[in-house]
């Protein structure tokens, strides 16, 4: 990672003043991104040197000659147009043709080519043949797919297109142009593609997470439904490294629960947070859940309770006391071992205190009057506001009524005349 930053910034390391950048890179390194060993069309785009699955056996000086002088950096560079390995004679001709200019016509040119021939033997002995097998050149003429169209091996006239397949099977390639972010846009032109190479485009699936507030709705199953998906084109499959598919953090398996392969584009903030949380807690539930259920004597709907956080009518400052109460972290007087018996209180008492009941009655009265109508009118101007039900709105308004300042102080002064007997916290 340091070498990567050095190439970008020209510095030996990230400046110590860039604390946030250092923390971000360290957090990414802690994921230990791992490449899956499955073989696919994208395998031939893997680097020839510094490969994750084999070592070429060449030293750094020899590898530099192959990369800089012979322009051989990927596995696909070892194959001809037919997908077969270049023959020894083809490499011999290439070595003499690509020798440094100052050596051509001299004995040193033959010595340079002979050295490369010896390295070729070492390279061939260490290469796993199964990773060099070229997949069938499928044109991927599926309706809606993105492809690259070009005439020669160098792809000097490469253009990208989206496939449109008619009901009678006729395929039309609609040309697209790629913006700086890799997103395709239709130009309105079509591409004549007979007698040309048509290869599937390497796609990255980008997701824009919307981070919508949770709602008390038992039908809300999957958070990913709130994500906006966009397709970006990275290049041609078999020529782009790293590919989107086939990478995963070391802490999780290479496959999703449904059997699909994990992708680099899956590493969104939401998914990384969820993964790190699962690794640390391993499915364990907060201890406060059992503590609350023991005091209420029945199971509680925790799925709905936790969704009462992060709502349209609250912000983190206002939700902090409620979050502490859910985790039974709010200070109450019975936590003082030397407190007088008449002044002790528990978390459960907070709900029955006079101060809290007075605020609740005012909120309920406001719901019967103009409070709910006014609040609903304001919410109607926001996206998805129609999902706010009256009982949810009233409950959120009650949350607002318990501002951070009175909750730790006034509401912990338990008044036993409210009809709630003393109990342990």
Protein backbone atom coordinates (compact mmCIF):
# COMPACT_ATOMS: atom_id res chain seq x y z
CA UNK A 1 0.00 0.00 0.00
CA UNK A 2 2.89 2.36 0.75
CA UNK A 3 4.32 1.70 -2.72
CA UNK A 4 0.94 2.52 -4.23
CA UNK A 5 0.76 5.86 -2.43
CA UNK A 6 4.37 6.59 -3.36
CA UNK A 7 3.56 6.22 -7.05
CA UNK A 8 0.62 8.57 -6.68
CA UNK A 9 2.14 11.26 -4.48
CA UNK A 10 5.82 10.86 -5.28
CA UNK A 11 6.58 10.58 -1.56
CA UNK A 12 8.27 7.79 0.36
CA UNK A 13 5.30 7.48 2.67
CA UNK A 14 2.01 9.11 3.53
CA UNK A 15 2.61 12.41 5.35
CA UNK A 16 2.15 12.09 9.09
CA UNK A 17 -0.08 15.15 8.97
CA UNK A 18 -2.57 13.26 6.77
CA UNK A 19 -4.00 11.38 9.74
CA UNK A 20 -7.36 10.65 8.20
CA UNK A 21 -5.80 9.24 4.99
CA UNK A 22 -3.51 7.02 7.06
CA UNK A 23 -6.42 5.74 9.09
CA UNK A 24 -8.43 4.98 5.94
CA UNK A 25 -5.57 3.04 4.34
CA UNK A 26 -4.90 1.17 7.57
CA UNK A 27 -8.58 0.22 7.81
CA UNK A 28 -8.48 -1.05 4.21
CA UNK A 29 -5.34 -3.08 4.91
CA UNK A 30 -7.03 -4.65 7.93
CA UNK A 31 -9.63 -6.17 5.60
CA UNK A 32 -6.87 -8.38 4.07
CA UNK A 33 -8.52 -8.54 0.66
CA UNK A 34 -7.94 -12.01 -0.82
CA UNK A 35 -8.24 -13.19 -4.42
CA UNK A 36 -10.28 -16.33 -4.95
CA UNK A 37 -8.49 -19.11 -6.84
CA UNK A 38 -11.35 -19.86 -9.23
CA UNK A 39 -10.48 -19.79 -12.95
CA UNK A 40 -12.65 -17.65 -15.20
CA UNK A 41 -12.43 -15.40 -18.23
CA UNK A 42 -10.83 -12.76 -15.97
CA UNK A 43 -7.96 -15.06 -14.95
CA UNK A 44 -5.87 -14.21 -18.01
CA UNK A 45 -5.78 -10.57 -16.92
CA UNK A 46 -3.88 -11.53 -13.76
CA UNK A 47 -0.35 -10.13 -13.54
CA UNK A 48 2.46 -12.34 -14.76
CA UNK A 49 4.78 -11.13 -12.02
CA UNK A 50 3.70 -10.71 -8.37
CA UNK A 51 0.90 -13.16 -9.02
CA UNK A 52 -1.08 -14.34 -6.00
CA UNK A 53 -0.93 -18.03 -7.01
CA UNK A 54 2.52 -18.74 -8.46
CA UNK A 55 6.05 -17.41 -8.74
CA UNK A 56 7.73 -17.09 -12.14
CA UNK A 57 11.17 -17.89 -10.74
CA UNK A 58 12.72 -14.77 -12.35
CA UNK A 59 14.62 -12.18 -10.34
CA UNK A 60 13.66 -8.50 -10.23
CA UNK A 61 16.13 -7.48 -12.98
CA UNK A 62 14.80 -10.10 -15.41
CA UNK A 63 11.20 -9.25 -14.59
CA UNK A 64 11.94 -5.59 -15.37
CA UNK A 65 13.23 -6.53 -18.83
CA UNK A 66 10.06 -8.50 -19.60
CA UNK A 67 7.80 -5.73 -18.36
CA UNK A 68 9.56 -2.67 -19.76
CA UNK A 69 11.22 -4.00 -22.92
CA UNK A 70 8.93 -6.88 -24.00
CA UNK A 71 5.71 -5.29 -22.67
CA UNK A 72 4.75 -8.62 -21.09
CA UNK A 73 2.88 -7.89 -17.87
CA UNK A 74 -0.22 -10.13 -17.90
CA UNK A 75 -0.92 -13.78 -18.59
CA UNK A 76 -2.80 -12.83 -21.74
CA UNK A 77 0.44 -11.38 -23.15
CA UNK A 78 1.78 -14.94 -23.44
CA UNK A 79 -1.01 -15.98 -25.82
CA UNK A 80 -1.57 -15.36 -29.51
CA UNK A 81 -4.85 -14.47 -31.18
CA UNK A 82 -5.91 -18.11 -31.19
CA UNK A 83 -5.45 -18.40 -27.43
CA UNK A 84 -2.36 -20.61 -27.76
CA UNK A 85 1.04 -20.01 -26.21
CA UNK A 86 3.56 -18.34 -28.48
CA UNK A 87 5.99 -20.84 -29.97
CA UNK A 88 9.72 -20.81 -29.23
CA UNK A 89 10.39 -19.49 -32.76
CA UNK A 90 7.91 -16.64 -32.28
CA UNK A 91 9.59 -15.67 -29.01
CA UNK A 92 13.03 -15.90 -30.68
CA UNK A 93 11.95 -13.45 -33.37
CA UNK A 94 10.39 -11.17 -30.75
CA UNK A 95 13.54 -11.13 -28.62
CA UNK A 96 15.68 -9.98 -31.54
CA UNK A 97 13.11 -7.46 -32.72
CA UNK A 98 12.64 -5.93 -29.24
CA UNK A 99 16.31 -5.80 -28.26
CA UNK A 100 17.53 -2.35 -27.13
CA UNK A 101 18.37 -0.07 -30.04
CA UNK A 102 21.98 0.43 -28.96
CA UNK A 103 22.56 -3.34 -29.21
CA UNK A 104 21.03 -4.06 -32.60
CA UNK A 105 23.44 -5.35 -35.22
CA UNK A 106 25.98 -6.22 -32.55
CA UNK A 107 26.97 -9.35 -30.67
CA UNK A 108 25.35 -7.94 -27.53
CA UNK A 109 21.97 -8.20 -29.25
CA UNK A 110 22.35 -11.97 -29.55
CA UNK A 111 23.51 -12.20 -25.94
CA UNK A 112 20.43 -10.22 -24.82
CA UNK A 113 18.10 -12.49 -26.82
CA UNK A 114 19.84 -15.61 -25.48
CA UNK A 115 19.36 -14.38 -21.89
CA UNK A 116 15.65 -13.86 -22.55
CA UNK A 117 15.38 -17.37 -24.05
CA UNK A 118 16.81 -18.86 -20.85
CA UNK A 119 14.33 -16.86 -18.80
CA UNK A 120 11.53 -18.09 -21.04
CA UNK A 121 12.42 -21.69 -20.15
CA UNK A 122 12.28 -20.86 -16.43
CA UNK A 123 9.04 -18.98 -16.91
CA UNK A 124 7.39 -21.83 -18.83
CA UNK A 125 8.39 -24.37 -16.17
CA UNK A 126 6.73 -22.36 -13.36
CA UNK A 127 3.53 -21.30 -15.12
CA UNK A 128 0.41 -23.31 -14.17
CA UNK A 129 -1.08 -24.40 -17.49
CA UNK A 130 -4.66 -24.38 -16.17
CA UNK A 131 -4.48 -20.61 -15.68
CA UNK A 132 -3.44 -20.12 -19.31
CA UNK A 133 -6.35 -21.90 -20.93
CA UNK A 134 -8.32 -19.34 -22.90
CA UNK A 135 -12.07 -19.49 -22.50
CA UNK A 136 -14.23 -19.71 -25.58
CA UNK A 137 -14.70 -16.35 -27.27
CA UNK A 138 -18.37 -15.93 -26.52
CA UNK A 139 -19.77 -12.74 -28.08
CA UNK A 140 -22.20 -12.39 -25.15
CA UNK A 141 -24.92 -11.08 -27.43
CA UNK A 142 -27.47 -10.97 -24.64
CA UNK A 143 -30.05 -8.22 -24.60
CA UNK A 144 -28.82 -5.35 -22.42
CA UNK A 145 -25.22 -6.60 -22.16
CA UNK A 146 -22.22 -4.35 -22.77
CA UNK A 147 -19.50 -5.45 -25.21
CA UNK A 148 -16.33 -4.17 -26.79
CA UNK A 149 -15.98 -4.21 -30.60
CA UNK A 150 -12.63 -3.99 -32.41
CA UNK A 151 -10.89 -5.21 -35.59
CA UNK A 152 -7.30 -6.14 -34.68
CA UNK A 153 -5.42 -7.57 -31.71
CA UNK A 154 -4.20 -4.14 -30.64
CA UNK A 155 -7.83 -2.96 -30.43
CA UNK A 156 -6.84 0.40 -31.86
CA UNK A 157 -10.43 0.99 -33.02
CA UNK A 158 -12.07 -0.28 -29.83
CA UNK A 159 -15.61 0.91 -29.26
CA UNK A 160 -18.14 -0.10 -26.64
CA UNK A 161 -21.77 -0.88 -27.28
CA UNK A 162 -24.92 -2.12 -25.61
CA UNK A 163 -26.62 -5.13 -27.13
CA UNK A 164 -30.23 -5.02 -28.21
CA UNK A 165 -31.76 -8.34 -29.28
CA UNK A 166 -35.03 -8.26 -31.20
CA UNK A 167 -37.76 -10.87 -30.89
CA UNK A 168 -36.59 -12.51 -34.12
CA UNK A 169 -33.03 -12.90 -32.73
CA UNK A 170 -31.44 -10.05 -34.69
CA UNK A 171 -28.76 -8.27 -32.67
CA UNK A 172 -28.01 -4.57 -32.87
CA UNK A 173 -25.06 -2.95 -31.13
CA UNK A 174 -25.83 0.56 -29.91
CA UNK A 175 -22.65 2.56 -29.44
CA UNK A 176 -21.95 4.09 -26.02
CA UNK A 177 -19.34 6.55 -24.85
CA UNK A 178 -17.65 6.16 -21.47
CA UNK A 179 -17.34 9.15 -19.13
CA UNK A 180 -14.49 9.70 -16.67
CA UNK A 181 -16.28 7.60 -14.04
CA UNK A 182 -16.69 4.68 -16.44
CA UNK A 183 -20.45 5.05 -16.81
CA UNK A 184 -21.77 4.31 -20.33
CA UNK A 185 -24.03 6.68 -22.24
CA UNK A 186 -25.82 5.93 -25.51
CA UNK A 187 -24.68 8.04 -28.47
CA UNK A 188 -27.62 7.23 -30.74
CA UNK A 189 -25.38 5.46 -33.29
CA UNK A 190 -25.04 1.76 -34.05
CA UNK A 191 -21.89 -0.26 -34.78
CA UNK A 192 -21.46 -2.57 -37.76
CA UNK A 193 -19.92 -5.61 -36.13
CA UNK A 194 -19.69 -8.52 -38.67
CA UNK A 195 -16.08 -9.71 -39.16
CA UNK A 196 -15.03 -7.93 -35.96
CA UNK A 197 -14.09 -9.15 -32.51
CA UNK A 198 -16.90 -8.82 -29.98
CA UNK A 199 -15.87 -9.41 -26.36
CA UNK A 200 -17.82 -8.94 -23.16
CA UNK A 201 -17.01 -5.77 -21.24
CA UNK A 202 -15.64 -5.96 -17.70
CA UNK A 203 -18.23 -4.31 -15.47
CA UNK A 204 -18.14 -2.81 -12.01
CA UNK A 205 -21.43 -2.64 -10.18
CA UNK A 206 -21.44 0.54 -8.12
CA UNK A 207 -24.06 1.07 -5.43
CA UNK A 208 -25.09 4.39 -3.99
CA UNK A 209 -26.31 3.70 -0.47
CA UNK A 210 -29.19 5.84 0.64
CA UNK A 211 -28.98 5.30 4.40
CA UNK A 212 -32.71 5.75 4.89
CA UNK A 213 -34.08 5.82 8.39
CA UNK A 214 -35.45 2.62 9.84
CA UNK A 215 -39.21 2.40 10.12
CA UNK A 216 -41.29 0.27 12.39
CA UNK A 217 -42.28 -2.05 9.57
CA UNK A 218 -41.94 -5.80 9.94
CA UNK A 219 -42.07 -6.22 6.14
CA UNK A 220 -38.78 -4.38 5.72
CA UNK A 221 -36.52 -7.36 5.07
CA UNK A 222 -33.45 -6.26 3.18
CA UNK A 223 -31.59 -2.96 3.51
CA UNK A 224 -29.97 -3.45 0.10
CA UNK A 225 -33.30 -2.63 -1.56
CA UNK A 226 -32.57 1.02 -0.74
CA UNK A 227 -29.40 1.01 -2.83
CA UNK A 228 -29.22 2.61 -6.26
CA UNK A 229 -27.23 0.43 -8.66
CA UNK A 230 -25.12 1.82 -11.51
CA UNK A 231 -22.99 -0.04 -14.05
CA UNK A 232 -19.49 1.13 -14.94
CA UNK A 233 -17.27 -0.28 -17.71
CA UNK A 234 -13.64 -0.96 -16.75
CA UNK A 235 -12.48 -2.46 -20.06
CA UNK A 236 -12.57 -5.86 -21.75
CA UNK A 237 -12.90 -9.08 -19.79
CA UNK A 238 -9.63 -10.96 -19.75
CA UNK A 239 -7.65 -7.71 -20.03
CA UNK A 240 -8.63 -5.76 -16.88
CA UNK A 241 -7.00 -6.34 -13.50
CA UNK A 242 -8.27 -6.44 -10.88
CA UNK A 243 -11.63 -7.73 -12.00
CA UNK A 244 -14.66 -6.90 -9.93
CA UNK A 245 -15.52 -10.52 -9.27
CA UNK A 246 -13.40 -12.94 -7.26
CA UNK A 247 -12.18 -10.84 -4.31
CA UNK A 248 -13.24 -11.02 -0.69
CA UNK A 249 -12.07 -9.97 2.79
CA UNK A 250 -10.17 -12.72 4.58
CA UNK A 251 -12.74 -12.78 7.40
CA UNK A 252 -15.56 -14.01 5.13
CA UNK A 253 -15.97 -16.79 2.59
CA UNK A 254 -15.50 -16.17 -1.17
CA UNK A 255 -19.22 -16.74 -1.75
CA UNK A 256 -22.43 -15.16 -0.56
CA UNK A 257 -25.10 -17.22 1.17
CA UNK A 258 -26.89 -17.64 -2.18
CA UNK A 259 -23.75 -19.13 -3.80
CA UNK A 260 -22.76 -16.07 -5.87
CA UNK A 261 -19.14 -14.93 -5.87
CA UNK A 262 -18.20 -11.89 -3.82
CA UNK A 263 -17.01 -8.77 -5.62
CA UNK A 264 -14.83 -5.79 -4.88
CA UNK A 265 -17.83 -3.57 -5.49
CA UNK A 266 -19.51 -5.29 -2.53
CA UNK A 267 -17.09 -3.48 -0.22
CA UNK A 268 -19.42 -0.61 0.55
CA UNK A 269 -19.38 1.21 3.88
CA UNK A 270 -22.56 -0.56 4.94
CA UNK A 271 -21.27 -4.04 4.08
CA UNK A 272 -17.84 -3.46 5.65
CA UNK A 273 -19.46 -2.21 8.86
CA UNK A 274 -21.79 -5.19 8.92
CA UNK A 275 -18.90 -7.61 8.31
CA UNK A 276 -16.70 -6.10 11.02
CA UNK A 277 -19.61 -6.17 13.44
CA UNK A 278 -20.36 -9.83 12.73
CA UNK A 279 -16.69 -10.75 13.16
CA UNK A 280 -16.51 -9.07 16.56
CA UNK A 281 -19.83 -10.12 18.06
CA UNK A 282 -20.26 -13.41 16.13
CA UNK A 283 -24.06 -13.13 16.17
CA UNK A 284 -24.27 -12.29 19.88
CA UNK A 285 -27.13 -10.05 21.01
CA UNK A 286 -26.72 -7.11 23.42
CA UNK A 287 -26.83 -8.16 27.06
CA UNK A 288 -29.42 -5.48 27.71
CA UNK A 289 -32.03 -7.42 25.73
CA UNK A 290 -32.08 -10.31 28.20
CA UNK A 291 -31.97 -7.87 31.11
CA UNK A 292 -35.03 -5.97 29.87
CA UNK A 293 -36.97 -9.18 29.10
CA UNK A 294 -36.19 -10.52 32.58
CA UNK A 295 -37.71 -7.42 34.14
CA UNK A 296 -40.77 -7.34 31.85
CA UNK A 297 -41.25 -11.08 32.07
CA UNK A 298 -41.87 -11.58 28.37
CA UNK A 299 -40.06 -11.43 24.99
CA UNK A 300 -39.79 -7.97 23.48
CA UNK A 301 -39.93 -6.99 19.76
CA UNK A 302 -36.30 -5.97 19.50
CA UNK A 303 -36.36 -5.68 15.73
CA UNK A 304 -38.85 -2.83 16.00
CA UNK A 305 -37.23 -1.39 19.12
CA UNK A 306 -33.81 -0.96 17.55
CA UNK A 307 -35.41 0.58 14.48
CA UNK A 308 -36.68 3.40 16.67
CA UNK A 309 -33.19 4.86 16.25
CA UNK A 310 -32.15 6.90 13.23
CA UNK A 311 -35.54 8.36 12.37
CA UNK A 312 -36.68 11.39 10.39
CA UNK A 313 -37.56 13.29 13.56
CA UNK A 314 -34.35 12.78 15.49
CA UNK A 315 -30.64 13.32 15.30
CA UNK A 316 -27.75 11.56 17.10
CA UNK A 317 -27.66 14.18 19.87
CA UNK A 318 -31.31 13.64 20.74
CA UNK A 319 -31.11 9.86 20.35
CA UNK A 320 -28.11 9.48 22.66
CA UNK A 321 -30.17 9.27 25.92
CA UNK A 322 -32.57 6.79 24.32
CA UNK A 323 -29.65 4.69 23.07
CA UNK A 324 -28.15 4.65 26.57
CA UNK A 325 -31.47 3.62 28.06
CA UNK A 326 -31.86 0.73 25.61
CA UNK A 327 -28.44 -0.51 26.70
CA UNK A 328 -29.32 0.14 30.35
CA UNK A 329 -26.52 2.64 30.59
CA UNK A 330 -28.59 5.56 31.92
CA UNK A 331 -27.62 6.63 35.42
CA UNK A 332 -30.34 5.92 38.02
CA UNK A 333 -30.18 6.42 41.76
CA UNK A 334 -30.32 2.76 42.79
CA UNK A 335 -26.83 2.39 41.34
CA UNK A 336 -25.59 4.29 44.38
CA UNK A 337 -25.01 1.71 47.07
CA UNK A 338 -25.21 4.41 49.77
CA UNK A 339 -28.37 6.07 48.40
CA UNK A 340 -31.39 6.34 50.67
CA UNK A 341 -34.10 3.80 50.05
CA UNK A 342 -36.67 6.52 49.41
CA UNK A 343 -34.50 8.09 46.74
CA UNK A 344 -33.65 4.94 44.78
CA UNK A 345 -34.92 4.36 41.26
CA UNK A 346 -34.51 1.94 38.36
CA UNK A 347 -34.51 2.07 34.59
CA UNK A 348 -38.02 0.68 34.51
CA UNK A 349 -39.21 3.49 36.77
CA UNK A 350 -38.39 6.07 34.13
CA UNK A 351 -41.46 5.06 32.14
CA UNK A 352 -43.75 5.60 35.16
CA UNK A 353 -42.31 8.85 36.45
CA UNK A 354 -44.62 11.85 36.68
CA UNK A 355 -42.36 13.98 34.51
CA UNK A 356 -42.35 11.44 31.69
CA UNK A 357 -46.10 10.77 31.91
CA UNK A 358 -46.83 14.51 31.82
CA UNK A 359 -44.82 14.91 28.62
CA UNK A 360 -46.45 11.86 27.09
CA UNK A 361 -49.97 13.16 27.80
CA UNK A 362 -49.08 16.47 26.18
CA UNK A 363 -47.82 14.69 23.05
CA UNK A 364 -50.95 12.54 22.87
CA UNK A 365 -53.11 15.63 23.29
CA UNK A 366 -51.18 17.34 20.53
CA UNK A 367 -51.83 14.36 18.29
CA UNK A 368 -55.58 14.82 18.76
CA UNK A 369 -55.20 18.51 17.91
CA UNK A 370 -53.09 20.11 15.25
CA UNK A 371 -49.69 18.68 16.15
CA UNK A 372 -49.92 15.56 14.00
CA UNK A 373 -51.49 17.37 11.04
CA UNK A 374 -48.76 20.03 11.07
CA UNK A 375 -45.94 17.51 11.43
CA UNK A 376 -47.42 15.29 8.73
CA UNK A 377 -47.67 18.26 6.40
CA UNK A 378 -43.98 19.03 6.92
CA UNK A 379 -42.98 15.40 6.39
CA UNK A 380 -45.00 15.21 3.19
CA UNK A 381 -42.39 17.43 1.55
CA UNK A 382 -39.67 14.85 2.23
CA UNK A 383 -39.03 11.60 0.30
CA UNK A 384 -40.95 8.55 1.54
CA UNK A 385 -42.74 10.61 4.18
CA UNK A 386 -46.04 8.85 3.56
CA UNK A 387 -44.69 5.81 5.40
CA UNK A 388 -44.82 7.67 8.75
CA UNK A 389 -47.85 6.32 10.59
CA UNK A 390 -49.65 8.33 13.31
CA UNK A 391 -48.57 6.03 16.16
CA UNK A 392 -44.96 6.13 14.93
CA UNK A 393 -45.07 9.91 14.69
CA UNK A 394 -46.50 10.22 18.18
CA UNK A 395 -43.82 7.92 19.57
CA UNK A 396 -41.08 9.94 17.85
CA UNK A 397 -42.58 13.16 19.19
CA UNK A 398 -42.50 11.66 22.68
CA UNK A 399 -38.85 11.02 22.07
CA UNK A 400 -38.38 14.68 21.26
CA UNK A 401 -40.20 15.65 24.41
CA UNK A 402 -37.50 13.86 26.45
CA UNK A 403 -34.61 16.14 25.58
CA UNK A 404 -31.09 15.12 26.64
CA UNK A 405 -30.89 17.56 29.53
CA UNK A 406 -33.95 16.54 31.58
CA UNK A 407 -33.59 12.79 31.06
CA UNK A 408 -30.45 12.16 33.11
CA UNK A 409 -31.45 14.64 35.81
CA UNK A 410 -35.19 15.14 36.25
CA UNK A 411 -36.39 11.74 35.10
CA UNK A 412 -33.97 9.88 37.37
CA UNK A 413 -35.50 11.53 40.40
CA UNK A 414 -38.04 8.75 40.77
CA UNK A 415 -41.34 9.56 42.39
CA UNK A 416 -42.72 6.37 43.91
CA UNK A 417 -46.16 7.89 44.13
CA UNK A 418 -46.47 7.21 40.39
CA UNK A 419 -47.50 3.69 41.35
CA UNK A 420 -44.34 1.82 40.38
CA UNK A 421 -42.83 -0.10 43.32
CA UNK A 422 -39.05 -0.10 43.84
CA UNK A 423 -37.18 -2.82 41.99
CA UNK A 424 -33.64 -3.69 41.12
CA UNK A 425 -32.18 -2.08 37.99
